[in-house]
Amino acid sequence: MRDHYDFRKMKGERNPYLKHLKQPITIRLDKATVGYFKTLAGGLGMPYQNLINLYLRDCALNQKRLNLKWAA
């Protein structure tokens, strides 16, 4: 089957999905929050980082805002 392929004539091209890749960041979360998402993600059978990303994306798309009131 290898005789049918000739990769010498192939031209390289850029990854068309490059702009859709995720950006690595460093974020500090408390242990209880990470534990919550790990437990939830374990029940769903997915990595907890993906679950956090999906949750944050949903917040951004729906323009959810946290109602904070600081103590005086």
Protein backbone atom coordinates (compact mmCIF):
# COMPACT_ATOMS: atom_id res chain seq x y z
CA MET A 1 0.00 0.00 0.00
CA ARG A 2 2.92 2.38 0.59
CA ASP A 3 3.76 2.19 -3.11
CA HIS A 4 0.56 4.15 -3.83
CA TYR A 5 1.65 7.22 -1.86
CA ASP A 6 4.10 9.82 -3.09
CA PHE A 7 4.50 12.48 -0.41
CA ARG A 8 7.30 14.26 -2.28
CA LYS A 9 4.74 16.14 -4.39
CA MET A 10 2.67 17.19 -1.40
CA LYS A 11 2.67 20.88 -0.48
CA GLY A 12 2.52 21.89 3.16
CA GLU A 13 -0.20 24.24 4.35
CA ARG A 14 -0.90 26.12 7.55
CA ASN A 15 -3.33 24.77 10.11
CA PRO A 16 -6.70 26.38 9.25
CA TYR A 17 -7.90 25.88 12.83
CA LEU A 18 -4.97 27.71 14.44
CA LYS A 19 -7.14 30.66 15.48
CA HIS A 20 -9.51 28.28 17.29
CA LEU A 21 -6.84 26.79 19.56
CA LYS A 22 -6.99 27.40 23.27
CA GLN A 23 -4.72 29.86 25.03
CA PRO A 24 -2.80 28.45 27.98
CA ILE A 25 -3.03 30.61 31.12
CA THR A 26 -2.24 30.33 34.80
CA ILE A 27 -5.17 30.77 37.16
CA ARG A 28 -5.39 30.31 40.91
CA LEU A 29 -8.53 28.57 42.19
CA ASP A 30 -9.31 27.44 45.70
CA LYS A 31 -9.23 23.71 46.44
CA ALA A 32 -12.98 23.45 47.01
CA THR A 33 -13.73 24.90 43.56
CA VAL A 34 -11.29 22.58 41.81
CA GLY A 35 -12.66 19.63 43.80
CA TYR A 36 -16.21 20.51 42.80
CA PHE A 37 -15.38 20.63 39.10
CA LYS A 38 -13.27 17.44 39.31
CA THR A 39 -16.16 15.57 40.93
CA LEU A 40 -18.67 16.94 38.44
CA ALA A 41 -16.40 16.21 35.47
CA GLY A 42 -15.71 12.68 36.74
CA GLY A 43 -19.43 11.95 36.69
CA LEU A 44 -19.65 13.27 33.14
CA GLY A 45 -16.56 11.39 31.96
CA MET A 46 -14.63 14.47 30.84
CA PRO A 47 -11.52 16.37 32.01
CA TYR A 48 -12.30 19.00 34.63
CA GLN A 49 -10.37 21.68 32.70
CA ASN A 50 -12.74 21.20 29.75
CA LEU A 51 -15.73 21.50 32.07
CA ILE A 52 -14.41 24.74 33.56
CA ASN A 53 -13.78 26.06 30.04
CA LEU A 54 -17.33 25.17 28.96
CA TYR A 55 -18.78 26.86 32.03
CA LEU A 56 -16.75 30.03 31.52
CA ARG A 57 -17.60 30.07 27.79
CA ASP A 58 -21.31 29.81 28.65
CA CYS A 59 -20.95 32.73 31.06
CA ALA A 60 -19.18 34.81 28.40
CA LEU A 61 -21.64 33.98 25.61
CA ASN A 62 -24.64 34.76 27.80
CA GLN A 63 -22.92 37.80 29.32
CA LYS A 64 -23.55 36.58 32.86
CA ARG A 65 -22.41 38.99 35.53
CA LEU A 66 -21.73 38.21 39.17
CA ASN A 67 -23.66 40.42 41.59
CA LEU A 68 -21.07 41.38 44.21
CA LYS A 69 -21.67 43.61 47.20
CA TRP A 70 -18.61 44.59 49.18
CA ALA A 71 -18.94 45.05 52.92
CA ALA A 72 -18.46 48.63 54.05
